Amino acid sequence: IYSYFSEYERSNKVNYEFTANEHKQSNIVNECIVQI
């Protein structure tokens, strides 16, 4: 998975930051719940 994902990043000239932090992900989902 990471091999082809890295290939995708190189091909599309992007560099994403992985949301390994569960707290960060929860905060984003909380904001979405409030808005929806």
Full PDB file with SEQRES, HELIX, SHEET, SSBOND, CRYST1, ORIGX, SCALE, CONECT and MASTER records, all heavy atoms in Angstrom:
SEQRES   1 A   36  ILE TYR SER TYR PHE SER GLU TYR GLU ARG SER ASN LYS          
SEQRES   2 A   36  VAL ASN TYR GLU PHE THR ALA ASN GLU HIS LYS GLN SER          
SEQRES   3 A   36  ASN ILE VAL ASN GLU CYS ILE VAL GLN ILE                      
HELIX    1 AA1 TYR A    2  ASN A   12  1                                  11    
HELIX    2 AA2 GLU A   22  GLN A   35  1                                  14    
CRYST1    1.000    1.000    1.000  90.00  90.00  90.00 P 1           1          
ORIGX1      1.000000  0.000000  0.000000        0.00000                         
ORIGX2      0.000000  1.000000  0.000000        0.00000                         
ORIGX3      0.000000  0.000000  1.000000        0.00000                         
SCALE1      1.000000  0.000000  0.000000        0.00000                         
SCALE2      0.000000  1.000000  0.000000        0.00000                         
SCALE3      0.000000  0.000000  1.000000        0.00000                         
ATOM      1  N   ILE A   1       0.829  -1.205   0.000  1.00  0.00           N  
ATOM      2  CA  ILE A   1       0.000   0.000   0.000  1.00  0.00           C  
ATOM      3  C   ILE A   1       0.868   1.262   0.000  1.00  0.00           C  
ATOM      4  O   ILE A   1       0.675   2.168  -0.821  1.00  0.00           O  
ATOM      5  CB  ILE A   1      -0.960   0.009   1.211  1.00  0.00           C  
ATOM      6  CG1 ILE A   1      -2.034  -1.068   1.038  1.00  0.00           C  
ATOM      7  CG2 ILE A   1      -1.618   1.383   1.381  1.00  0.00           C  
ATOM      8  CD1 ILE A   1      -2.884  -1.309   2.272  1.00  0.00           C  
ATOM      9  N   TYR A   2       1.843   1.320   0.915  1.00  0.00           N  
ATOM     10  CA  TYR A   2       2.675   2.525   1.017  1.00  0.00           C  
ATOM     11  C   TYR A   2       3.589   2.699  -0.189  1.00  0.00           C  
ATOM     12  O   TYR A   2       3.924   3.825  -0.563  1.00  0.00           O  
ATOM     13  CB  TYR A   2       3.486   2.506   2.318  1.00  0.00           C  
ATOM     14  CG  TYR A   2       2.653   2.901   3.510  1.00  0.00           C  
ATOM     15  CD1 TYR A   2       2.244   1.952   4.448  1.00  0.00           C  
ATOM     16  CD2 TYR A   2       2.228   4.219   3.694  1.00  0.00           C  
ATOM     17  CE1 TYR A   2       1.443   2.307   5.539  1.00  0.00           C  
ATOM     18  CE2 TYR A   2       1.434   4.578   4.768  1.00  0.00           C  
ATOM     19  CZ  TYR A   2       1.049   3.624   5.685  1.00  0.00           C  
ATOM     20  OH  TYR A   2       0.250   3.980   6.747  1.00  0.00           O  
ATOM     21  N   SER A   3       3.960   1.599  -0.819  1.00  0.00           N  
ATOM     22  CA  SER A   3       4.783   1.669  -2.013  1.00  0.00           C  
ATOM     23  C   SER A   3       4.033   2.378  -3.140  1.00  0.00           C  
ATOM     24  O   SER A   3       4.563   3.299  -3.785  1.00  0.00           O  
ATOM     25  CB  SER A   3       5.182   0.260  -2.460  1.00  0.00           C  
ATOM     26  OG  SER A   3       5.815   0.294  -3.707  1.00  0.00           O  
ATOM     27  N   TYR A   4       2.784   1.955  -3.371  1.00  0.00           N  
ATOM     28  CA  TYR A   4       1.991   2.570  -4.442  1.00  0.00           C  
ATOM     29  C   TYR A   4       1.491   3.955  -4.057  1.00  0.00           C  
ATOM     30  O   TYR A   4       1.342   4.831  -4.918  1.00  0.00           O  
ATOM     31  CB  TYR A   4       0.821   1.661  -4.837  1.00  0.00           C  
ATOM     32  CG  TYR A   4       1.282   0.490  -5.668  1.00  0.00           C  
ATOM     33  CD1 TYR A   4       1.340  -0.800  -5.139  1.00  0.00           C  
ATOM     34  CD2 TYR A   4       1.695   0.676  -6.993  1.00  0.00           C  
ATOM     35  CE1 TYR A   4       1.793  -1.863  -5.891  1.00  0.00           C  
ATOM     36  CE2 TYR A   4       2.146  -0.389  -7.751  1.00  0.00           C  
ATOM     37  CZ  TYR A   4       2.196  -1.654  -7.198  1.00  0.00           C  
ATOM     38  OH  TYR A   4       2.649  -2.706  -7.952  1.00  0.00           O  
ATOM     39  N   PHE A   5       1.271   4.187  -2.774  1.00  0.00           N  
ATOM     40  CA  PHE A   5       0.890   5.534  -2.331  1.00  0.00           C  
ATOM     41  C   PHE A   5       2.041   6.514  -2.562  1.00  0.00           C  
ATOM     42  O   PHE A   5       1.824   7.632  -3.044  1.00  0.00           O  
ATOM     43  CB  PHE A   5       0.498   5.521  -0.856  1.00  0.00           C  
ATOM     44  CG  PHE A   5       0.279   6.893  -0.284  1.00  0.00           C  
ATOM     45  CD1 PHE A   5      -0.765   7.685  -0.717  1.00  0.00           C  
ATOM     46  CD2 PHE A   5       1.157   7.402   0.683  1.00  0.00           C  
ATOM     47  CE1 PHE A   5      -0.957   8.971  -0.195  1.00  0.00           C  
ATOM     48  CE2 PHE A   5       0.972   8.674   1.202  1.00  0.00           C  
ATOM     49  CZ  PHE A   5      -0.085   9.461   0.755  1.00  0.00           C  
ATOM     50  N   SER A   6       3.254   6.099  -2.240  1.00  0.00           N  
ATOM     51  CA  SER A   6       4.436   6.945  -2.468  1.00  0.00           C  
ATOM     52  C   SER A   6       4.610   7.226  -3.958  1.00  0.00           C  
ATOM     53  O   SER A   6       4.968   8.344  -4.352  1.00  0.00           O  
ATOM     54  CB  SER A   6       5.696   6.261  -1.925  1.00  0.00           C  
ATOM     55  OG  SER A   6       5.598   6.090  -0.528  1.00  0.00           O  
ATOM     56  N   GLU A   7       4.335   6.215  -4.763  1.00  0.00           N  
ATOM     57  CA  GLU A   7       4.406   6.383  -6.220  1.00  0.00           C  
ATOM     58  C   GLU A   7       3.362   7.399  -6.682  1.00  0.00           C  
ATOM     59  O   GLU A   7       3.613   8.206  -7.586  1.00  0.00           O  
ATOM     60  CB  GLU A   7       4.167   5.032  -6.899  1.00  0.00           C  
ATOM     61  CG  GLU A   7       4.501   5.000  -8.375  1.00  0.00           C  
ATOM     62  CD  GLU A   7       4.318   3.623  -8.987  1.00  0.00           C  
ATOM     63  OE1 GLU A   7       4.809   2.641  -8.396  1.00  0.00           O  
ATOM     64  OE2 GLU A   7       3.670   3.538 -10.052  1.00  0.00           O  
ATOM     65  N   TYR A   8       2.175   7.351  -6.057  1.00  0.00           N  
ATOM     66  CA  TYR A   8       1.103   8.308  -6.382  1.00  0.00           C  
ATOM     67  C   TYR A   8       1.552   9.728  -6.046  1.00  0.00           C  
ATOM     68  O   TYR A   8       1.341  10.661  -6.840  1.00  0.00           O  
ATOM     69  CB  TYR A   8      -0.169   7.965  -5.599  1.00  0.00           C  
ATOM     70  CG  TYR A   8      -1.285   8.963  -5.806  1.00  0.00           C  
ATOM     71  CD1 TYR A   8      -2.216   8.794  -6.832  1.00  0.00           C  
ATOM     72  CD2 TYR A   8      -1.413  10.088  -4.982  1.00  0.00           C  
ATOM     73  CE1 TYR A   8      -3.231   9.716  -7.039  1.00  0.00           C  
ATOM     74  CE2 TYR A   8      -2.416  11.007  -5.187  1.00  0.00           C  
ATOM     75  CZ  TYR A   8      -3.331  10.821  -6.215  1.00  0.00           C  
ATOM     76  OH  TYR A   8      -4.317  11.747  -6.426  1.00  0.00           O  
ATOM     77  N   GLU A   9       2.154   9.909  -4.875  1.00  0.00           N  
ATOM     78  CA  GLU A   9       2.625  11.229  -4.467  1.00  0.00           C  
ATOM     79  C   GLU A   9       3.660  11.776  -5.454  1.00  0.00           C  
ATOM     80  O   GLU A   9       3.608  12.948  -5.842  1.00  0.00           O  
ATOM     81  CB  GLU A   9       3.228  11.180  -3.057  1.00  0.00           C  
ATOM     82  CG  GLU A   9       2.199  11.076  -1.948  1.00  0.00           C  
ATOM     83  CD  GLU A   9       2.805  11.265  -0.573  1.00  0.00           C  
ATOM     84  OE1 GLU A   9       3.811  10.564  -0.278  1.00  0.00           O  
ATOM     85  OE2 GLU A   9       2.307  12.104   0.199  1.00  0.00           O  
ATOM     86  N   ARG A  10       4.600  10.913  -5.844  1.00  0.00           N  
ATOM     87  CA  ARG A  10       5.639  11.339  -6.789  1.00  0.00           C  
ATOM     88  C   ARG A  10       5.039  11.699  -8.154  1.00  0.00           C  
ATOM     89  O   ARG A  10       5.378  12.726  -8.744  1.00  0.00           O  
ATOM     90  CB  ARG A  10       6.688  10.242  -6.964  1.00  0.00           C  
ATOM     91  CG  ARG A  10       7.591  10.035  -5.757  1.00  0.00           C  
ATOM     92  CD  ARG A  10       8.784   9.170  -6.105  1.00  0.00           C  
ATOM     93  NE  ARG A  10       8.384   7.841  -6.552  1.00  0.00           N  
ATOM     94  CZ  ARG A  10       8.194   6.817  -5.749  1.00  0.00           C  
ATOM     95  NH1 ARG A  10       8.347   6.956  -4.437  1.00  0.00           N  
ATOM     96  NH2 ARG A  10       7.847   5.630  -6.235  1.00  0.00           N  
ATOM     97  N   SER A  11       4.120  10.862  -8.628  1.00  0.00           N  
ATOM     98  CA  SER A  11       3.514  11.079  -9.944  1.00  0.00           C  
ATOM     99  C   SER A  11       2.677  12.349  -9.994  1.00  0.00           C  
ATOM    100  O   SER A  11       2.612  13.025 -11.027  1.00  0.00           O  
ATOM    101  CB  SER A  11       2.625   9.880 -10.320  1.00  0.00           C  
ATOM    102  OG  SER A  11       3.372   8.698 -10.370  1.00  0.00           O  
ATOM    103  N   ASN A  12       2.023  12.654  -8.873  1.00  0.00           N  
ATOM    104  CA  ASN A  12       1.129  13.817  -8.834  1.00  0.00           C  
ATOM    105  C   ASN A  12       1.761  15.027  -8.139  1.00  0.00           C  
ATOM    106  O   ASN A  12       1.092  16.040  -7.927  1.00  0.00           O  
ATOM    107  CB  ASN A  12      -0.185  13.438  -8.142  1.00  0.00           C  
ATOM    108  CG  ASN A  12      -0.987  12.430  -8.941  1.00  0.00           C  
ATOM    109  OD1 ASN A  12      -1.737  12.796  -9.827  1.00  0.00           O  
ATOM    110  ND2 ASN A  12      -0.809  11.149  -8.644  1.00  0.00           N  
ATOM    111  N   LYS A  13       3.031  14.886  -7.759  1.00  0.00           N  
ATOM    112  CA  LYS A  13       3.786  15.973  -7.133  1.00  0.00           C  
ATOM    113  C   LYS A  13       3.052  16.567  -5.928  1.00  0.00           C  
ATOM    114  O   LYS A  13       2.846  17.769  -5.812  1.00  0.00           O  
ATOM    115  CB  LYS A  13       4.091  17.071  -8.159  1.00  0.00           C  
ATOM    116  CG  LYS A  13       4.983  16.574  -9.288  1.00  0.00           C  
ATOM    117  CD  LYS A  13       5.249  17.655 -10.314  1.00  0.00           C  
ATOM    118  CE  LYS A  13       6.146  17.114 -11.440  1.00  0.00           C  
ATOM    119  NZ  LYS A  13       6.388  18.124 -12.488  1.00  0.00           N  
ATOM    120  N   VAL A  14       2.643  15.656  -5.042  1.00  0.00           N  
ATOM    121  CA  VAL A  14       1.976  16.069  -3.795  1.00  0.00           C  
ATOM    122  C   VAL A  14       2.714  15.419  -2.625  1.00  0.00           C  
ATOM    123  O   VAL A  14       3.417  14.432  -2.794  1.00  0.00           O  
ATOM    124  CB  VAL A  14       0.487  15.666  -3.768  1.00  0.00           C  
ATOM    125  CG1 VAL A  14      -0.306  16.464  -4.780  1.00  0.00           C  
ATOM    126  CG2 VAL A  14       0.321  14.162  -4.008  1.00  0.00           C  
ATOM    127  N   ASN A  15       2.513  15.989  -1.460  1.00  0.00           N  
ATOM    128  CA  ASN A  15       3.149  15.440  -0.260  1.00  0.00           C  
ATOM    129  C   ASN A  15       2.201  15.631   0.920  1.00  0.00           C  
ATOM    130  O   ASN A  15       2.113  16.708   1.500  1.00  0.00           O  
ATOM    131  CB  ASN A  15       4.480  16.150  -0.002  1.00  0.00           C  
ATOM    132  CG  ASN A  15       5.245  15.517   1.142  1.00  0.00           C  
ATOM    133  OD1 ASN A  15       5.012  14.366   1.510  1.00  0.00           O  
ATOM    134  ND2 ASN A  15       6.144  16.284   1.738  1.00  0.00           N  
ATOM    135  N   TYR A  16       1.472  14.575   1.248  1.00  0.00           N  
ATOM    136  CA  TYR A  16       0.475  14.657   2.303  1.00  0.00           C  
ATOM    137  C   TYR A  16       1.072  14.391   3.684  1.00  0.00           C  
ATOM    138  O   TYR A  16       2.073  13.707   3.818  1.00  0.00           O  
ATOM    139  CB  TYR A  16      -0.638  13.629   2.065  1.00  0.00           C  
ATOM    140  CG  TYR A  16      -1.491  13.895   0.857  1.00  0.00           C  
ATOM    141  CD1 TYR A  16      -1.347  13.121  -0.296  1.00  0.00           C  
ATOM    142  CD2 TYR A  16      -2.446  14.903   0.859  1.00  0.00           C  
ATOM    143  CE1 TYR A  16      -2.133  13.347  -1.415  1.00  0.00           C  
ATOM    144  CE2 TYR A  16      -3.232  15.144  -0.257  1.00  0.00           C  
ATOM    145  CZ  TYR A  16      -3.075  14.360  -1.393  1.00  0.00           C  
ATOM    146  OH  TYR A  16      -3.847  14.593  -2.494  1.00  0.00           O  
ATOM    147  N   GLU A  17       0.394  14.943   4.689  1.00  0.00           N  
ATOM    148  CA  GLU A  17       0.764  14.646   6.078  1.00  0.00           C  
ATOM    149  C   GLU A  17      -0.240  13.637   6.612  1.00  0.00           C  
ATOM    150  O   GLU A  17      -1.456  13.848   6.535  1.00  0.00           O  
ATOM    151  CB  GLU A  17       0.729  15.920   6.929  1.00  0.00           C  
ATOM    152  CG  GLU A  17       1.109  15.679   8.382  1.00  0.00           C  
ATOM    153  CD  GLU A  17       0.916  16.913   9.257  1.00  0.00           C  
ATOM    154  OE1 GLU A  17       0.780  18.023   8.710  1.00  0.00           O  
ATOM    155  OE2 GLU A  17       0.868  16.750  10.490  1.00  0.00           O  
ATOM    156  N   PHE A  18       0.239  12.534   7.149  1.00  0.00           N  
ATOM    157  CA  PHE A  18      -0.623  11.463   7.634  1.00  0.00           C  
ATOM    158  C   PHE A  18      -1.260  11.838   8.972  1.00  0.00           C  
ATOM    159  O   PHE A  18      -0.574  12.311   9.877  1.00  0.00           O  
ATOM    160  CB  PHE A  18       0.196  10.176   7.773  1.00  0.00           C  
ATOM    161  CG  PHE A  18      -0.578   9.007   8.332  1.00  0.00           C  
ATOM    162  CD1 PHE A  18      -1.825   8.668   7.824  1.00  0.00           C  
ATOM    163  CD2 PHE A  18      -0.052   8.246   9.356  1.00  0.00           C  
ATOM    164  CE1 PHE A  18      -2.536   7.585   8.343  1.00  0.00           C  
ATOM    165  CE2 PHE A  18      -0.737   7.161   9.874  1.00  0.00           C  
ATOM    166  CZ  PHE A  18      -1.987   6.831   9.362  1.00  0.00           C  
ATOM    167  N   THR A  19      -2.573  11.613   9.093  1.00  0.00           N  
ATOM    168  CA  THR A  19      -3.293  11.929  10.337  1.00  0.00           C  
ATOM    169  C   THR A  19      -3.156  10.782  11.335  1.00  0.00           C  
ATOM    170  O   THR A  19      -4.134  10.143  11.716  1.00  0.00           O  
ATOM    171  CB  THR A  19      -4.796  12.176  10.078  1.00  0.00           C  
ATOM    172  OG1 THR A  19      -5.330  11.020   9.434  1.00  0.00           O  
ATOM    173  CG2 THR A  19      -5.030  13.393   9.230  1.00  0.00           C  
ATOM    174  N   ALA A  20      -1.935  10.517  11.726  1.00  0.00           N  
ATOM    175  CA  ALA A  20      -1.703   9.430  12.690  1.00  0.00           C  
ATOM    176  C   ALA A  20      -2.242   9.800  14.065  1.00  0.00           C  
ATOM    177  O   ALA A  20      -2.532   8.943  14.889  1.00  0.00           O  
ATOM    178  CB  ALA A  20      -0.207   9.128  12.773  1.00  0.00           C  
ATOM    179  N   ASN A  21      -2.398  11.087  14.309  1.00  0.00           N  
ATOM    180  CA  ASN A  21      -2.888  11.576  15.596  1.00  0.00           C  
ATOM    181  C   ASN A  21      -4.409  11.435  15.656  1.00  0.00           C  
ATOM    182  O   ASN A  21      -5.147  12.126  14.949  1.00  0.00           O  
ATOM    183  CB  ASN A  21      -2.481  13.056  15.762  1.00  0.00           C  
ATOM    184  CG  ASN A  21      -2.762  13.570  17.154  1.00  0.00           C  
ATOM    185  OD1 ASN A  21      -3.756  13.206  17.780  1.00  0.00           O  
ATOM    186  ND2 ASN A  21      -1.882  14.426  17.640  1.00  0.00           N  
ATOM    187  N   GLU A  22      -4.895  10.511  16.496  1.00  0.00           N  
ATOM    188  CA  GLU A  22      -6.340  10.276  16.608  1.00  0.00           C  
ATOM    189  C   GLU A  22      -7.075  11.507  17.137  1.00  0.00           C  
ATOM    190  O   GLU A  22      -8.222  11.755  16.759  1.00  0.00           O  
ATOM    191  CB  GLU A  22      -6.605   9.085  17.525  1.00  0.00           C  
ATOM    192  CG  GLU A  22      -6.169   7.757  16.931  1.00  0.00           C  
ATOM    193  CD  GLU A  22      -6.498   6.584  17.838  1.00  0.00           C  
ATOM    194  OE1 GLU A  22      -7.217   6.795  18.844  1.00  0.00           O  
ATOM    195  OE2 GLU A  22      -6.032   5.468  17.560  1.00  0.00           O  
ATOM    196  N   HIS A  23      -6.408  12.273  17.998  1.00  0.00           N  
ATOM    197  CA  HIS A  23      -7.023  13.479  18.558  1.00  0.00           C  
ATOM    198  C   HIS A  23      -7.314  14.491  17.450  1.00  0.00           C  
ATOM    199  O   HIS A  23      -8.371  15.129  17.437  1.00  0.00           O  
ATOM    200  CB  HIS A  23      -6.091  14.086  19.613  1.00  0.00           C  
ATOM    201  CG  HIS A  23      -6.650  15.298  20.291  1.00  0.00           C  
ATOM    202  ND1 HIS A  23      -7.754  15.243  21.126  1.00  0.00           N  
ATOM    203  CD2 HIS A  23      -6.281  16.609  20.237  1.00  0.00           C  
ATOM    204  CE1 HIS A  23      -8.036  16.460  21.574  1.00  0.00           C  
ATOM    205  NE2 HIS A  23      -7.158  17.301  21.044  1.00  0.00           N  
ATOM    206  N   LYS A  24      -6.387  14.602  16.521  1.00  0.00           N  
ATOM    207  CA  LYS A  24      -6.549  15.534  15.400  1.00  0.00           C  
ATOM    208  C   LYS A  24      -7.730  15.113  14.528  1.00  0.00           C  
ATOM    209  O   LYS A  24      -8.557  15.940  14.122  1.00  0.00           O  
ATOM    210  CB  LYS A  24      -5.270  15.579  14.564  1.00  0.00           C  
ATOM    211  CG  LYS A  24      -5.288  16.611  13.436  1.00  0.00           C  
ATOM    212  CD  LYS A  24      -4.026  16.514  12.578  1.00  0.00           C  
ATOM    213  CE  LYS A  24      -2.800  16.965  13.345  1.00  0.00           C  
ATOM    214  NZ  LYS A  24      -1.582  16.982  12.476  1.00  0.00           N  
ATOM    215  N   GLN A  25      -7.814  13.810  14.254  1.00  0.00           N  
ATOM    216  CA  GLN A  25      -8.917  13.296  13.440  1.00  0.00           C  
ATOM    217  C   GLN A  25     -10.259  13.518  14.143  1.00  0.00           C  
ATOM    218  O   GLN A  25     -11.236  13.937  13.517  1.00  0.00           O  
ATOM    219  CB  GLN A  25      -8.721  11.810  13.159  1.00  0.00           C  
ATOM    220  CG  GLN A  25      -9.788  11.228  12.227  1.00  0.00           C  
ATOM    221  CD  GLN A  25      -9.666   9.728  12.059  1.00  0.00           C  
ATOM    222  OE1 GLN A  25      -9.241   9.028  12.976  1.00  0.00           O  
ATOM    223  NE2 GLN A  25     -10.031   9.212  10.898  1.00  0.00           N  
ATOM    224  N   SER A  26     -10.303  13.261  15.444  1.00  0.00           N  
ATOM    225  CA  SER A  26     -11.542  13.448  16.210  1.00  0.00           C  
ATOM    226  C   SER A  26     -12.004  14.902  16.183  1.00  0.00           C  
ATOM    227  O   SER A  26     -13.203  15.182  16.061  1.00  0.00           O  
ATOM    228  CB  SER A  26     -11.336  13.004  17.657  1.00  0.00           C  
ATOM    229  OG  SER A  26     -11.076  11.622  17.731  1.00  0.00           O  
ATOM    230  N   ASN A  27     -11.061  15.824  16.285  1.00  0.00           N  
ATOM    231  CA  ASN A  27     -11.402  17.251  16.247  1.00  0.00           C  
ATOM    232  C   ASN A  27     -12.031  17.643  14.916  1.00  0.00           C  
ATOM    233  O   ASN A  27     -13.004  18.405  14.868  1.00  0.00           O  
ATOM    234  CB  ASN A  27     -10.153  18.108  16.490  1.00  0.00           C  
ATOM    235  CG  ASN A  27      -9.748  18.122  17.953  1.00  0.00           C  
ATOM    236  OD1 ASN A  27     -10.552  17.802  18.833  1.00  0.00           O  
ATOM    237  ND2 ASN A  27      -8.496  18.485  18.228  1.00  0.00           N  
ATOM    238  N   ILE A  28     -11.490  17.094  13.826  1.00  0.00           N  
ATOM    239  CA  ILE A  28     -12.027  17.396  12.497  1.00  0.00           C  
ATOM    240  C   ILE A  28     -13.434  16.842  12.353  1.00  0.00           C  
ATOM    241  O   ILE A  28     -14.339  17.520  11.860  1.00  0.00           O  
ATOM    242  CB  ILE A  28     -11.102  16.830  11.386  1.00  0.00           C  
ATOM    243  CG1 ILE A  28      -9.740  17.528  11.422  1.00  0.00           C  
ATOM    244  CG2 ILE A  28     -11.746  17.011  10.005  1.00  0.00           C  
ATOM    245  CD1 ILE A  28      -8.701  16.918  10.510  1.00  0.00           C  
ATOM    246  N   VAL A  29     -13.642  15.598  12.813  1.00  0.00           N  
ATOM    247  CA  VAL A  29     -14.969  14.980  12.731  1.00  0.00           C  
ATOM    248  C   VAL A  29     -15.963  15.738  13.609  1.00  0.00           C  
ATOM    249  O   VAL A  29     -17.114  15.958  13.203  1.00  0.00           O  
ATOM    250  CB  VAL A  29     -14.921  13.491  13.144  1.00  0.00           C  
ATOM    251  CG1 VAL A  29     -16.325  12.884  13.155  1.00  0.00           C  
ATOM    252  CG2 VAL A  29     -14.031  12.701  12.197  1.00  0.00           C  
ATOM    253  N   ASN A  30     -15.539  16.167  14.785  1.00  0.00           N  
ATOM    254  CA  ASN A  30     -16.413  16.956  15.673  1.00  0.00           C  
ATOM    255  C   ASN A  30     -16.899  18.224  14.989  1.00  0.00           C  
ATOM    256  O   ASN A  30     -18.083  18.574  15.048  1.00  0.00           O  
ATOM    257  CB  ASN A  30     -15.666  17.331  16.957  1.00  0.00           C  
ATOM    258  CG  ASN A  30     -15.732  16.233  18.012  1.00  0.00           C  
ATOM    259  OD1 ASN A  30     -16.622  15.397  17.979  1.00  0.00           O  
ATOM    260  ND2 ASN A  30     -14.788  16.230  18.935  1.00  0.00           N  
ATOM    261  N   GLU A  31     -15.983  18.918  14.333  1.00  0.00           N  
ATOM    262  CA  GLU A  31     -16.330  20.150  13.608  1.00  0.00           C  
ATOM    263  C   GLU A  31     -17.357  19.863  12.510  1.00  0.00           C  
ATOM    264  O   GLU A  31     -18.290  20.649  12.299  1.00  0.00           O  
ATOM    265  CB  GLU A  31     -15.079  20.769  12.994  1.00  0.00           C  
ATOM    266  CG  GLU A  31     -14.108  21.347  14.020  1.00  0.00           C  
ATOM    267  CD  GLU A  31     -12.784  21.770  13.397  1.00  0.00           C  
ATOM    268  OE1 GLU A  31     -12.702  21.793  12.137  1.00  0.00           O  
ATOM    269  OE2 GLU A  31     -11.836  22.046  14.146  1.00  0.00           O  
ATOM    270  N   CYS A  32     -17.183  18.740  11.839  1.00  0.00           N  
ATOM    271  CA  CYS A  32     -18.108  18.363  10.763  1.00  0.00           C  
ATOM    272  C   CYS A  32     -19.501  18.066  11.312  1.00  0.00           C  
ATOM    273  O   CYS A  32     -20.511  18.467  10.716  1.00  0.00           O  
ATOM    274  CB  CYS A  32     -17.572  17.139  10.015  1.00  0.00           C  
ATOM    275  SG  CYS A  32     -16.038  17.421   9.121  1.00  0.00           S  
ATOM    276  N   ILE A  33     -19.566  17.367  12.442  1.00  0.00           N  
ATOM    277  CA  ILE A  33     -20.858  17.041  13.064  1.00  0.00           C  
ATOM    278  C   ILE A  33     -21.613  18.318  13.410  1.00  0.00           C  
ATOM    279  O   ILE A  33     -22.812  18.454  13.123  1.00  0.00           O  
ATOM    280  CB  ILE A  33     -20.662  16.176  14.328  1.00  0.00           C  
ATOM    281  CG1 ILE A  33     -20.083  14.806  13.965  1.00  0.00           C  
ATOM    282  CG2 ILE A  33     -21.995  15.996  15.075  1.00  0.00           C  
ATOM    283  CD1 ILE A  33     -19.622  13.986  15.169  1.00  0.00           C  
ATOM    284  N   VAL A  34     -20.904  19.256  14.015  1.00  0.00           N  
ATOM    285  CA  VAL A  34     -21.519  20.530  14.423  1.00  0.00           C  
ATOM    286  C   VAL A  34     -22.064  21.285  13.207  1.00  0.00           C  
ATOM    287  O   VAL A  34     -23.184  21.826  13.243  1.00  0.00           O  
ATOM    288  CB  VAL A  34     -20.497  21.407  15.187  1.00  0.00           C  
ATOM    289  CG1 VAL A  34     -21.072  22.810  15.431  1.00  0.00           C  
ATOM    290  CG2 VAL A  34     -20.124  20.749  16.512  1.00  0.00           C  
ATOM    291  N   GLN A  35     -21.304  21.310  12.118  1.00  0.00           N  
ATOM    292  CA  GLN A  35     -21.729  22.036  10.917  1.00  0.00           C  
ATOM    293  C   GLN A  35     -22.911  21.358  10.231  1.00  0.00           C  
ATOM    294  O   GLN A  35     -23.868  22.027   9.818  1.00  0.00           O  
ATOM    295  CB  GLN A  35     -20.568  22.155   9.936  1.00  0.00           C  
ATOM    296  CG  GLN A  35     -19.477  23.112  10.413  1.00  0.00           C  
ATOM    297  CD  GLN A  35     -18.403  23.315   9.358  1.00  0.00           C  
ATOM    298  OE1 GLN A  35     -18.684  23.663   8.216  1.00  0.00           O  
ATOM    299  NE2 GLN A  35     -17.150  23.092   9.735  1.00  0.00           N  
ATOM    300  N   ILE A  36     -22.868  20.033  10.117  1.00  0.00           N  
ATOM    301  CA  ILE A  36     -23.952  19.312   9.436  1.00  0.00           C  
ATOM    302  C   ILE A  36     -25.228  19.312  10.275  1.00  0.00           C  
ATOM    303  O   ILE A  36     -26.341  19.282   9.744  1.00  0.00           O  
ATOM    304  CB  ILE A  36     -23.515  17.862   9.106  1.00  0.00           C  
ATOM    305  CG1 ILE A  36     -22.306  17.868   8.166  1.00  0.00           C  
ATOM    306  CG2 ILE A  36     -24.660  17.070   8.482  1.00  0.00           C  
ATOM    307  CD1 ILE A  36     -22.506  18.614   6.857  1.00  0.00           C  
TER     308      ILE A  36                                                      
MASTER        0    0    0    2    0    0    0    6  307    1    0    3          
END                                                                             
